[in-house]
Amino acid sequence: MTVPLRYKRGETLRITWTLTDDNGAALDLTTYTLASKARLASDTGDGTPLGSVTPTKDNQATNPGRIFVDFGATDSTWPIGRVNVDVRYESAAGDVRYTPTISVELERAIT
């Protein structure tokens, strides 16, 4: 069983991936298109779409393959609970891949 990351609504959270090819070498993502969505986790299907989150490429000259997704600014309307996120990345040639899915347990801030 995977334990989700826990964070509170509005808190700053950055999830980072380094994307590699089949040989383990970091991909140069300069020409890649990135997209990401967040969904409320569900045991019975895909889950309720919560909206898009914006994946960002790091400097590909110094950090090839590195991307990140920031939470905090986009989660104000999301319900409390487990949220699943992944990133779709597509090469200029049309090859599509996905990052592993990350589960985040969104909690209510008390203060």
Protein backbone atom coordinates (compact mmCIF):
# COMPACT_ATOMS: atom_id res chain seq x y z
CA MET A 1 0.00 0.00 0.00
CA THR A 2 1.31 3.42 -0.96
CA VAL A 3 1.20 6.14 1.67
CA PRO A 4 0.24 9.50 0.14
CA LEU A 5 2.09 12.73 0.76
CA ARG A 6 0.22 14.89 3.26
CA TYR A 7 -0.13 18.62 3.02
CA LYS A 8 -2.60 21.30 4.00
CA ARG A 9 -4.69 23.38 1.62
CA GLY A 10 -2.77 26.51 0.55
CA GLU A 11 0.59 25.16 1.70
CA THR A 12 3.52 25.29 -0.72
CA LEU A 13 4.32 21.84 -2.09
CA ARG A 14 6.55 21.08 -5.07
CA ILE A 15 6.65 17.60 -6.60
CA THR A 16 9.67 16.97 -8.82
CA TRP A 17 10.37 14.28 -11.37
CA THR A 18 13.45 13.60 -13.48
CA LEU A 19 12.32 11.97 -16.72
CA THR A 20 14.61 9.45 -18.38
CA ASP A 21 14.74 7.39 -21.54
CA ASP A 22 14.67 3.59 -21.58
CA ASN A 23 18.42 3.52 -20.86
CA GLY A 24 18.15 5.73 -17.79
CA ALA A 25 19.61 8.86 -19.39
CA ALA A 26 17.86 12.15 -18.58
CA LEU A 27 15.65 13.40 -21.43
CA ASP A 28 16.17 16.85 -22.91
CA LEU A 29 12.62 18.15 -22.69
CA THR A 30 13.20 21.41 -24.57
CA THR A 31 10.77 20.49 -27.38
CA TYR A 32 8.35 18.46 -25.23
CA THR A 33 4.81 19.52 -24.37
CA LEU A 34 3.68 18.97 -20.75
CA ALA A 35 0.17 18.68 -19.32
CA SER A 36 -1.19 17.65 -15.94
CA LYS A 37 -4.55 17.20 -14.22
CA ALA A 38 -5.56 16.53 -10.67
CA ARG A 39 -8.37 14.13 -9.79
CA LEU A 40 -10.02 13.25 -6.52
CA ALA A 41 -8.98 9.67 -5.82
CA SER A 42 -11.62 6.99 -6.32
CA ASP A 43 -11.71 3.26 -5.71
CA THR A 44 -14.41 2.86 -8.35
CA GLY A 45 -13.08 4.75 -11.37
CA ASP A 46 -10.94 7.61 -12.60
CA GLY A 47 -12.11 10.03 -9.90
CA THR A 48 -13.65 13.46 -10.11
CA PRO A 49 -11.58 15.92 -12.17
CA LEU A 50 -10.43 18.83 -10.01
CA GLY A 51 -8.69 20.83 -12.69
CA SER A 52 -5.36 21.32 -14.34
CA VAL A 53 -2.11 21.94 -12.55
CA THR A 54 0.79 23.47 -14.42
CA PRO A 55 3.89 21.34 -14.85
CA THR A 56 7.06 23.33 -15.43
CA LYS A 57 10.30 22.32 -17.12
CA ASP A 58 13.47 23.13 -15.23
CA ASN A 59 16.43 24.58 -17.16
CA GLN A 60 17.15 21.73 -19.58
CA ALA A 61 20.76 22.82 -20.13
CA THR A 62 21.61 22.41 -16.44
CA ASN A 63 18.89 19.99 -15.26
CA PRO A 64 17.84 17.85 -18.23
CA GLY A 65 14.69 15.81 -17.71
CA ARG A 66 13.67 17.66 -14.57
CA ILE A 67 10.09 18.90 -14.24
CA PHE A 68 7.98 19.99 -11.30
CA VAL A 69 4.39 20.70 -10.29
CA ASP A 70 3.62 23.27 -7.59
CA PHE A 71 0.55 23.02 -5.38
CA GLY A 72 -0.87 25.66 -3.10
CA ALA A 73 -2.16 28.31 -5.47
CA THR A 74 -4.52 25.95 -7.31
CA ASP A 75 -6.05 23.91 -4.49
CA SER A 76 -8.34 26.45 -2.78
CA THR A 77 -11.53 24.90 -4.21
CA TRP A 78 -10.49 21.26 -4.01
CA PRO A 79 -12.31 19.07 -1.50
CA ILE A 80 -10.39 17.64 1.42
CA GLY A 81 -9.21 14.13 0.60
CA ARG A 82 -6.81 12.17 -1.58
CA VAL A 83 -5.83 13.75 -4.88
CA ASN A 84 -4.00 11.93 -7.70
CA VAL A 85 -1.71 13.76 -10.13
CA ASP A 86 0.51 12.72 -13.01
CA VAL A 87 2.19 14.54 -15.89
CA ARG A 88 1.77 13.73 -19.57
CA TYR A 89 4.81 14.55 -21.67
CA GLU A 90 4.81 14.46 -25.46
CA SER A 91 7.81 14.73 -27.76
CA ALA A 92 7.80 16.82 -30.94
CA ALA A 93 7.55 13.49 -32.82
CA GLY A 94 4.26 12.70 -31.03
CA ASP A 95 5.56 10.06 -28.59
CA VAL A 96 3.47 10.22 -25.39
CA ARG A 97 4.51 9.07 -21.92
CA TYR A 98 3.34 9.66 -18.35
CA THR A 99 5.03 10.07 -14.99
CA PRO A 100 4.08 7.74 -12.17
CA THR A 101 0.92 8.86 -10.38
CA ILE A 102 1.47 10.73 -7.13
CA SER A 103 -1.18 10.65 -4.38
CA VAL A 104 -1.46 13.70 -2.15
CA GLU A 105 -3.65 13.75 0.97
CA LEU A 106 -5.11 17.27 1.08
CA GLU A 107 -5.95 18.34 4.63
CA ARG A 108 -7.74 21.41 5.96
CA ALA A 109 -5.50 24.11 7.44
CA ILE A 110 -6.54 24.94 11.00
CA THR A 111 -4.78 28.29 11.33
